[in-house]
C-alpha atoms as a PDB file:
ATOM      1  CA  MET A   1      84.851  91.007 122.661  1.00  0.00           C
ATOM      2  CA  ASN A   2      81.560  91.759 120.685  1.00  0.00           C
ATOM      3  CA  LEU A   3      81.950  91.981 117.266  1.00  0.00           C
ATOM      4  CA  PRO A   4      81.978  95.895 116.195  1.00  0.00           C
ATOM      5  CA  GLU A   5      78.681  97.465 114.720  1.00  0.00           C
ATOM      6  CA  ASN A   6      78.741  98.789 111.471  1.00  0.00           C
ATOM      7  CA  ALA A   7      77.108 102.216 111.680  1.00  0.00           C
ATOM      8  CA  PHE A   8      77.331 103.180 108.201  1.00  0.00           C
ATOM      9  CA  LYS A   9      75.677  99.815 106.923  1.00  0.00           C
ATOM     10  CA  ARG A  10      72.925 100.069 109.325  1.00  0.00           C
ATOM     11  CA  ALA A  11      72.232 103.680 108.440  1.00  0.00           C
ATOM     12  CA  ILE A  12      72.019 102.989 104.583  1.00  0.00           C
ATOM     13  CA  LEU A  13      69.923  99.846 104.970  1.00  0.00           C
ATOM     14  CA  ALA A  14      67.690 101.945 107.317  1.00  0.00           C
ATOM     15  CA  GLY A  15      67.254 104.668 104.539  1.00  0.00           C
ATOM     16  CA  ARG A  16      69.319 107.277 106.603  1.00  0.00           C
ATOM     17  CA  GLN A  17      71.194 109.944 104.538  1.00  0.00           C
ATOM     18  CA  GLN A  18      74.948 109.538 105.185  1.00  0.00           C
ATOM     19  CA  VAL A  19      76.928 112.790 104.069  1.00  0.00           C
ATOM     20  CA  GLY A  20      80.441 112.150 103.529  1.00  0.00           C
ATOM     21  CA  LEU A  21      84.020 113.441 102.541  1.00  0.00           C
ATOM     22  CA  TRP A  22      86.595 111.955 100.217  1.00  0.00           C
ATOM     23  CA  CYS A  23      90.198 111.576 101.650  1.00  0.00           C
ATOM     24  CA  MET A  24      92.879 111.545  99.295  1.00  0.00           C
ATOM     25  CA  LEU A  25      95.653 112.641 101.782  1.00  0.00           C
ATOM     26  CA  PRO A  26      97.444 109.630 103.250  1.00  0.00           C
ATOM     27  CA  GLY A  27      98.155 109.480 106.815  1.00  0.00           C
ATOM     28  CA  GLY A  28      96.569 109.063 110.364  1.00  0.00           C
ATOM     29  CA  PHE A  29      97.337 112.974 111.369  1.00  0.00           C
ATOM     30  CA  VAL A  30      94.999 114.401 108.643  1.00  0.00           C
ATOM     31  CA  THR A  31      92.302 111.751 109.098  1.00  0.00           C
ATOM     32  CA  GLU A  32      92.083 112.168 112.610  1.00  0.00           C
ATOM     33  CA  ALA A  33      91.645 116.065 112.127  1.00  0.00           C
ATOM     34  CA  LEU A  34      88.871 115.258 109.675  1.00  0.00           C
ATOM     35  CA  ALA A  35      87.199 112.414 111.695  1.00  0.00           C
ATOM     36  CA  GLY A  36      85.971 115.139 114.197  1.00  0.00           C
ATOM     37  CA  ALA A  37      84.582 117.445 111.443  1.00  0.00           C
ATOM     38  CA  GLY A  38      81.074 116.454 111.491  1.00  0.00           C
ATOM     39  CA  PHE A  39      80.851 113.985 108.587  1.00  0.00           C
ATOM     40  CA  ASP A  40      79.083 110.692 108.919  1.00  0.00           C
ATOM     41  CA  TRP A  41      81.445 108.797 106.606  1.00  0.00           C
ATOM     42  CA  LEU A  42      85.004 109.148 105.205  1.00  0.00           C
ATOM     43  CA  LEU A  43      86.337 107.655 101.959  1.00  0.00           C
ATOM     44  CA  LEU A  44      89.816 106.549 102.476  1.00  0.00           C
ATOM     45  CA  ASP A  45      90.776 106.294  98.823  1.00  0.00           C
ATOM     46  CA  THR A  46      93.787 103.857  97.553  1.00  0.00           C
ATOM     47  CA  GLU A  47      92.773 103.994  93.779  1.00  0.00           C
ATOM     48  CA  HIS A  48      93.352 107.603  92.955  1.00  0.00           C
ATOM     49  CA  SER A  49      95.819 108.527  95.678  1.00  0.00           C
ATOM     50  CA  PRO A  50      99.437 107.417  97.088  1.00  0.00           C
ATOM     51  CA  ALA A  51      97.602 105.379  99.772  1.00  0.00           C
ATOM     52  CA  ASP A  52      98.013 101.721 100.322  1.00  0.00           C
ATOM     53  CA  VAL A  53      97.035  98.992 102.840  1.00  0.00           C
ATOM     54  CA  LEU A  54     100.063 100.139 105.091  1.00  0.00           C
ATOM     55  CA  THR A  55      98.763 103.953 105.218  1.00  0.00           C
ATOM     56  CA  VAL A  56      95.014 102.895 105.501  1.00  0.00           C
ATOM     57  CA  LEU A  57      95.846 101.235 108.754  1.00  0.00           C
ATOM     58  CA  PRO A  58      96.670 103.986 110.833  1.00  0.00           C
ATOM     59  CA  GLN A  59      94.012 106.068 109.082  1.00  0.00           C
ATOM     60  CA  LEU A  60      91.371 103.500 110.427  1.00  0.00           C
ATOM     61  CA  GLN A  61      92.994 103.786 113.747  1.00  0.00           C
ATOM     62  CA  ALA A  62      92.933 107.590 113.822  1.00  0.00           C
ATOM     63  CA  ALA A  63      89.219 107.380 112.774  1.00  0.00           C
ATOM     64  CA  ALA A  64      88.262 104.792 115.411  1.00  0.00           C
ATOM     65  CA  ALA A  65      87.878 107.473 118.338  1.00  0.00           C
ATOM     66  CA  TYR A  66      85.373 109.553 116.318  1.00  0.00           C
ATOM     67  CA  ASP A  67      81.611 109.276 115.693  1.00  0.00           C
ATOM     68  CA  VAL A  68      82.375 108.655 111.946  1.00  0.00           C
ATOM     69  CA  SER A  69      82.387 105.553 109.723  1.00  0.00           C
ATOM     70  CA  PRO A  70      85.317 104.911 107.355  1.00  0.00           C
ATOM     71  CA  VAL A  71      84.818 103.444 103.811  1.00  0.00           C
ATOM     72  CA  VAL A  72      87.963 102.392 102.016  1.00  0.00           C
ATOM     73  CA  ARG A  73      88.188 102.035  98.368  1.00  0.00           C
ATOM     74  CA  PRO A  74      90.785  99.395  97.031  1.00  0.00           C
ATOM     75  CA  ALA A  75      92.804 100.134  94.161  1.00  0.00           C
ATOM     76  CA  SER A  76      90.866  97.439  92.112  1.00  0.00           C
ATOM     77  CA  ASN A  77      88.659  94.603  92.480  1.00  0.00           C
ATOM     78  CA  ASP A  78      91.276  92.378  93.735  1.00  0.00           C
ATOM     79  CA  PRO A  79      90.492  89.601  96.447  1.00  0.00           C
ATOM     80  CA  VAL A  80      94.120  90.053  97.677  1.00  0.00           C
ATOM     81  CA  LEU A  81      93.628  93.728  98.325  1.00  0.00           C
ATOM     82  CA  ILE A  82      90.288  93.291  99.780  1.00  0.00           C
ATOM     83  CA  LYS A  83      91.460  90.523 102.150  1.00  0.00           C
ATOM     84  CA  ARG A  84      94.183  92.746 103.396  1.00  0.00           C
ATOM     85  CA  LEU A  85      91.804  95.660 104.128  1.00  0.00           C
ATOM     86  CA  LEU A  86      89.327  93.654 105.801  1.00  0.00           C
ATOM     87  CA  ASP A  87      92.203  92.053 107.878  1.00  0.00           C
ATOM     88  CA  CYS A  88      93.146  95.840 108.842  1.00  0.00           C
ATOM     89  CA  GLY A  89      89.630  96.354 110.335  1.00  0.00           C
ATOM     90  CA  ALA A  90      87.960  97.887 107.353  1.00  0.00           C
ATOM     91  CA  GLN A  91      84.080  97.033 107.574  1.00  0.00           C
ATOM     92  CA  SER A  92      82.981  99.031 104.393  1.00  0.00           C
ATOM     93  CA  LEU A  93      84.325  98.687 101.071  1.00  0.00           C
ATOM     94  CA  LEU A  94      83.717 100.700  97.800  1.00  0.00           C
ATOM     95  CA  ILE A  95      84.944  98.507  94.876  1.00  0.00           C
ATOM     96  CA  PRO A  96      85.913 100.311  91.765  1.00  0.00           C
ATOM     97  CA  TYR A  97      84.817  99.658  88.292  1.00  0.00           C
ATOM     98  CA  VAL A  98      82.389  96.941  88.588  1.00  0.00           C
ATOM     99  CA  GLN A  99      80.827  96.468  85.308  1.00  0.00           C
ATOM    100  CA  SER A 100      78.722  93.286  85.435  1.00  0.00           C
ATOM    101  CA  ALA A 101      76.896  91.099  88.059  1.00  0.00           C
ATOM    102  CA  GLU A 102      79.645  88.487  87.584  1.00  0.00           C
ATOM    103  CA  GLU A 103      82.323  91.039  88.860  1.00  0.00           C
ATOM    104  CA  ALA A 104      79.849  92.087  91.646  1.00  0.00           C
ATOM    105  CA  ALA A 105      79.608  88.540  92.782  1.00  0.00           C
ATOM    106  CA  ALA A 106      83.441  88.175  92.593  1.00  0.00           C
ATOM    107  CA  ALA A 107      83.694  91.119  95.199  1.00  0.00           C
ATOM    108  CA  VAL A 108      80.988  89.626  97.339  1.00  0.00           C
ATOM    109  CA  ALA A 109      82.894  86.285  97.273  1.00  0.00           C
ATOM    110  CA  ALA A 110      86.167  87.952  98.270  1.00  0.00           C
ATOM    111  CA  MET A 111      84.349  89.914 101.286  1.00  0.00           C
ATOM    112  CA  ARG A 112      83.195  86.399 102.797  1.00  0.00           C
ATOM    113  CA  TYR A 113      85.006  83.315 104.392  1.00  0.00           C
ATOM    114  CA  PRO A 114      84.502  79.847 102.901  1.00  0.00           C
ATOM    115  CA  PRO A 115      82.098  78.187 102.284  1.00  0.00           C
ATOM    116  CA  ALA A 116      80.276  81.330 101.201  1.00  0.00           C
ATOM    117  CA  GLY A 117      83.348  83.077  99.596  1.00  0.00           C
ATOM    118  CA  ILE A 118      87.043  83.003  99.293  1.00  0.00           C
ATOM    119  CA  ARG A 119      88.423  85.151 101.803  1.00  0.00           C
ATOM    120  CA  GLY A 120      91.398  83.762 103.524  1.00  0.00           C
ATOM    121  CA  VAL A 121      90.997  83.023 107.194  1.00  0.00           C
ATOM    122  CA  ALA A 122      93.639  84.536 109.579  1.00  0.00           C
ATOM    123  CA  GLY A 123      93.250  84.539 113.420  1.00  0.00           C
ATOM    124  CA  LEU A 124      95.459  87.335 114.598  1.00  0.00           C
ATOM    125  CA  THR A 125      93.885  90.190 112.751  1.00  0.00           C
ATOM    126  CA  ARG A 126      92.745  93.812 113.716  1.00  0.00           C
ATOM    127  CA  ALA A 127      89.596  93.007 112.417  1.00  0.00           C
ATOM    128  CA  SER A 128      89.006  90.388 115.043  1.00  0.00           C
ATOM    129  CA  ARG A 129      90.390  92.445 117.857  1.00  0.00           C
ATOM    130  CA  PHE A 130      93.547  90.048 117.275  1.00  0.00           C
ATOM    131  CA  GLY A 131      91.437  86.939 117.807  1.00  0.00           C
ATOM    132  CA  ARG A 132      89.484  88.312 120.795  1.00  0.00           C
ATOM    133  CA  VAL A 133      85.959  88.804 119.094  1.00  0.00           C
ATOM    134  CA  GLU A 134      84.465  85.212 119.550  1.00  0.00           C
ATOM    135  CA  GLY A 135      83.252  83.436 116.511  1.00  0.00           C
ATOM    136  CA  TYR A 136      84.513  86.133 114.214  1.00  0.00           C
ATOM    137  CA  ALA A 137      85.045  83.936 111.230  1.00  0.00           C
ATOM    138  CA  ARG A 138      81.267  82.895 111.383  1.00  0.00           C
ATOM    139  CA  ARG A 139      79.938  86.432 112.094  1.00  0.00           C
ATOM    140  CA  ALA A 140      82.010  88.881 110.103  1.00  0.00           C
ATOM    141  CA  GLU A 141      79.915  89.408 107.076  1.00  0.00           C
ATOM    142  CA  GLU A 142      76.981  90.536 109.333  1.00  0.00           C
ATOM    143  CA  GLU A 143      79.000  93.792 109.948  1.00  0.00           C
ATOM    144  CA  LEU A 144      80.771  94.155 106.435  1.00  0.00           C
ATOM    145  CA  CYS A 145      79.152  96.687 103.818  1.00  0.00           C
ATOM    146  CA  LEU A 146      80.025  96.137 100.325  1.00  0.00           C
ATOM    147  CA  LEU A 147      79.226  99.198  97.855  1.00  0.00           C
ATOM    148  CA  VAL A 148      80.255  98.579  94.077  1.00  0.00           C
ATOM    149  CA  GLN A 149      81.101 101.469  91.748  1.00  0.00           C
ATOM    150  CA  VAL A 150      79.300 101.999  88.341  1.00  0.00           C
ATOM    151  CA  GLU A 151      81.201 104.217  86.097  1.00  0.00           C
ATOM    152  CA  THR A 152      81.016 102.947  82.325  1.00  0.00           C
ATOM    153  CA  ARG A 153      78.462 102.856  79.879  1.00  0.00           C
ATOM    154  CA  ALA A 154      78.442  98.800  80.126  1.00  0.00           C
ATOM    155  CA  SER A 155      77.724  99.073  83.838  1.00  0.00           C
ATOM    156  CA  LEU A 156      75.060 101.609  83.562  1.00  0.00           C
ATOM    157  CA  ASP A 157      73.404  98.881  81.191  1.00  0.00           C
ATOM    158  CA  ALA A 158      73.829  96.357  84.076  1.00  0.00           C
ATOM    159  CA  ILE A 159      72.504  98.167  87.022  1.00  0.00           C
ATOM    160  CA  GLU A 160      69.711  95.898  87.574  1.00  0.00           C
ATOM    161  CA  ALA A 161      71.812  92.603  87.337  1.00  0.00           C
ATOM    162  CA  ILE A 162      74.404  94.270  89.552  1.00  0.00           C
ATOM    163  CA  ALA A 163      71.771  95.373  92.366  1.00  0.00           C
ATOM    164  CA  ALA A 164      70.313  91.863  92.088  1.00  0.00           C
ATOM    165  CA  VAL A 165      73.660  90.300  93.415  1.00  0.00           C
ATOM    166  CA  GLU A 166      73.189  89.123  97.066  1.00  0.00           C
ATOM    167  CA  GLY A 167      75.611  90.911  99.133  1.00  0.00           C
ATOM    168  CA  VAL A 168      75.739  94.039  97.384  1.00  0.00           C
ATOM    169  CA  ASP A 169      74.566  96.848  99.853  1.00  0.00           C
ATOM    170  CA  GLY A 170      74.804  99.803  97.754  1.00  0.00           C
ATOM    171  CA  ILE A 171      75.815 101.265  94.166  1.00  0.00           C
ATOM    172  CA  PHE A 172      78.128 104.298  93.674  1.00  0.00           C
ATOM    173  CA  ILE A 173      77.855 106.013  90.342  1.00  0.00           C
ATOM    174  CA  GLY A 174      81.301 107.362  89.430  1.00  0.00           C
ATOM    175  CA  PRO A 175      80.901 110.645  87.473  1.00  0.00           C
ATOM    176  CA  GLY A 176      84.532 111.172  86.145  1.00  0.00           C
ATOM    177  CA  ASP A 177      84.931 107.728  84.741  1.00  0.00           C
ATOM    178  CA  LEU A 178      81.402 107.952  83.653  1.00  0.00           C
ATOM    179  CA  SER A 179      81.898 111.109  81.823  1.00  0.00           C
ATOM    180  CA  ALA A 180      84.845 109.619  79.933  1.00  0.00           C
ATOM    181  CA  SER A 181      82.984 106.567  78.945  1.00  0.00           C
ATOM    182  CA  LEU A 182      79.953 108.401  77.541  1.00  0.00           C
ATOM    183  CA  GLY A 183      82.398 110.602  75.223  1.00  0.00           C
ATOM    184  CA  HIS A 184      82.703 113.586  77.650  1.00  0.00           C
ATOM    185  CA  PRO A 185      85.925 113.202  79.466  1.00  0.00           C
ATOM    186  CA  GLY A 186      86.066 115.797  82.373  1.00  0.00           C
ATOM    187  CA  GLU A 187      82.888 117.554  81.538  1.00  0.00           C
ATOM    188  CA  LEU A 188      81.042 116.331  84.693  1.00  0.00           C
ATOM    189  CA  PHE A 189      78.121 118.472  84.148  1.00  0.00           C
ATOM    190  CA  HIS A 190      77.447 117.707  80.458  1.00  0.00           C
ATOM    191  CA  PRO A 191      73.797 117.176  79.979  1.00  0.00           C
ATOM    192  CA  GLU A 192      74.254 113.743  78.819  1.00  0.00           C
ATOM    193  CA  VAL A 193      76.261 112.938  81.884  1.00  0.00           C
ATOM    194  CA  ILE A 194      74.017 114.587  84.215  1.00  0.00           C
ATOM    195  CA  ALA A 195      70.904 112.634  82.696  1.00  0.00           C
ATOM    196  CA  ALA A 196      72.615 109.282  83.076  1.00  0.00           C
ATOM    197  CA  ILE A 197      73.534 109.966  86.578  1.00  0.00           C
ATOM    198  CA  GLU A 198      70.014 110.838  87.344  1.00  0.00           C
ATOM    199  CA  ASP A 199      68.463 107.974  85.745  1.00  0.00           C
ATOM    200  CA  ALA A 200      71.089 105.719  87.491  1.00  0.00           C
ATOM    201  CA  ILE A 201      70.129 106.944  90.951  1.00  0.00           C
ATOM    202  CA  ARG A 202      66.606 106.373  90.088  1.00  0.00           C
ATOM    203  CA  ARG A 203      67.160 102.901  88.835  1.00  0.00           C
ATOM    204  CA  VAL A 204      69.444 101.911  91.955  1.00  0.00           C
ATOM    205  CA  ARG A 205      66.749 103.018  94.249  1.00  0.00           C
ATOM    206  CA  SER A 206      64.013 101.214  92.215  1.00  0.00           C
ATOM    207  CA  ALA A 207      66.066  97.997  92.748  1.00  0.00           C
ATOM    208  CA  GLY A 208      66.056  98.529  96.319  1.00  0.00           C
ATOM    209  CA  LYS A 209      69.744  99.493  97.057  1.00  0.00           C
ATOM    210  CA  ALA A 210      71.277 102.370  98.565  1.00  0.00           C
ATOM    211  CA  ALA A 211      72.687 104.757  95.780  1.00  0.00           C
ATOM    212  CA  GLY A 212      75.734 107.049  96.214  1.00  0.00           C
ATOM    213  CA  ILE A 213      77.918 109.559  94.741  1.00  0.00           C
ATOM    214  CA  LEU A 214      80.559 112.094  94.988  1.00  0.00           C
ATOM    215  CA  THR A 215      80.285 115.818  93.871  1.00  0.00           C
ATOM    216  CA  TYR A 216      81.947 119.147  94.809  1.00  0.00           C
ATOM    217  CA  ASP A 217      78.825 120.974  93.831  1.00  0.00           C
ATOM    218  CA  ILE A 218      76.419 121.620  96.742  1.00  0.00           C
ATOM    219  CA  THR A 219      73.420 122.267  94.425  1.00  0.00           C
ATOM    220  CA  PHE A 220      73.816 119.097  92.421  1.00  0.00           C
ATOM    221  CA  ALA A 221      74.458 117.016  95.917  1.00  0.00           C
ATOM    222  CA  ARG A 222      71.184 118.088  97.246  1.00  0.00           C
ATOM    223  CA  ARG A 223      69.795 117.301  93.748  1.00  0.00           C
ATOM    224  CA  CYS A 224      71.117 113.697  94.154  1.00  0.00           C
ATOM    225  CA  MET A 225      69.944 113.517  97.669  1.00  0.00           C
ATOM    226  CA  GLU A 226      66.363 114.355  96.637  1.00  0.00           C
ATOM    227  CA  LEU A 227      66.582 111.750  93.831  1.00  0.00           C
ATOM    228  CA  GLY A 228      67.551 109.162  96.327  1.00  0.00           C
ATOM    229  CA  THR A 229      71.123 108.961  97.026  1.00  0.00           C
ATOM    230  CA  LEU A 230      71.872 107.675 100.525  1.00  0.00           C
ATOM    231  CA  PHE A 231      75.498 107.883 100.884  1.00  0.00           C
ATOM    232  CA  THR A 232      76.747 111.288  99.363  1.00  0.00           C
ATOM    233  CA  ALA A 233      80.233 112.518  99.556  1.00  0.00           C
ATOM    234  CA  VAL A 234      80.180 116.385  98.979  1.00  0.00           C
ATOM    235  CA  GLY A 235      83.872 117.185  98.769  1.00  0.00           C
ATOM    236  CA  ALA A 236      87.516 115.981  98.840  1.00  0.00           C
ATOM    237  CA  ASP A 237      90.055 116.951 101.426  1.00  0.00           C
ATOM    238  CA  LEU A 238      92.789 117.868  98.767  1.00  0.00           C
ATOM    239  CA  SER A 239      90.213 119.830  96.748  1.00  0.00           C
ATOM    240  CA  ILE A 240      89.329 121.918  99.845  1.00  0.00           C
ATOM    241  CA  LEU A 241      92.982 122.459 100.943  1.00  0.00           C
ATOM    242  CA  LEU A 242      93.763 123.518  97.305  1.00  0.00           C
ATOM    243  CA  ARG A 243      91.262 126.052  96.911  1.00  0.00           C
ATOM    244  CA  GLY A 244      91.626 127.394 100.416  1.00  0.00           C
ATOM    245  CA  VAL A 245      95.385 127.976  99.968  1.00  0.00           C
ATOM    246  CA  GLU A 246      94.874 129.309  96.353  1.00  0.00           C
ATOM    247  CA  GLY A 247      92.256 131.784  97.924  1.00  0.00           C
ATOM    248  CA  LEU A 248      94.665 132.871 100.496  1.00  0.00           C
ATOM    249  CA  ALA A 249      97.476 133.499  98.238  1.00  0.00           C
ATOM    250  CA  GLY A 250      95.158 135.415  95.942  1.00  0.00           C
ATOM    251  CA  GLU A 251      94.202 137.700  98.732  1.00  0.00           C
ATOM    252  CA  PHE A 252      97.956 139.019  98.773  1.00  0.00           C
ATOM    253  CA  LYS A 253      99.053 138.179  95.050  1.00  0.00           C
ATOM    254  CA  PRO A 254      95.988 138.916  92.808  1.00  0.00           C
ATOM    255  CA  GLY A 255      96.373 137.050  89.461  1.00  0.00           C
END
C-alpha cells in the first residue's frame, strides 16, 4: 500500500486557502455528518472538549470517506499524546500553547521517528495501514503536518524563532488565550487583541510559514484571509448547534 497523501499539508504549502470547521462534539456520527458539508478541513479538538484518543479514532474513520482533511489538536504538547494520535492515523496536528522555539522543536521531535526524533515505533498501527505501507517508518514525516499554536504575549515575541524551526509547517494564532494574556480575557475584539492578531499574521507570512486562526465572525475571517491566513476556521459545531436551537426556541418562546 502507498503512504496516504496529506491534502491539507500540500494545500497550505502551495498557498491555497483552506476553510475549516472546529469540531468540539466527540463521536464519529457527528463528524461524518459534518465531513460532507463542504469544508476543506475539520479540527478535532481534544484540548477544550471531552474528546480523547479513543473518541478521535472513530472521528478519523468517519471522515476518511470524504474529501475533507482532519486536523487533531492534542490536549497538550505531550509526546505520548502525539504518538498515540499519530498511530491512530492523524496526519496533521495542531499543538496548543507553544511559547518558544524549544517547545516547537520538542513537538517536531515527537512527530518524527529516531534518529530525527523520539516517536516510538510500532508496526501494527492504523497510520501504517496495520503494517501494509512499505517503508512507513522511513517515510511517515513526508505526509505529516505540524501546526503550532501561538496564544500568549511571550509566544508573540517568539514568532520568528518558532517559524524558523525546521518541521513547523504552520502557526495558528489562538484568539481566546491571547486575549487573556494581553489583559482582556474574553474580549476577542478588543482593539489591542485585534492589532496583535493582525500583526502576528503578517509576521508569520513574512517568515514564510502558513498562518491560521479560528473566528466565528465572518467579516473578521475574511479580513484575516486578506492578511494572509491559509488555514482559517470560521465556526464551531457546538456554537452553530446552540445558536440554531436557541433561535428555534425563540421563535416559539420569545424572551
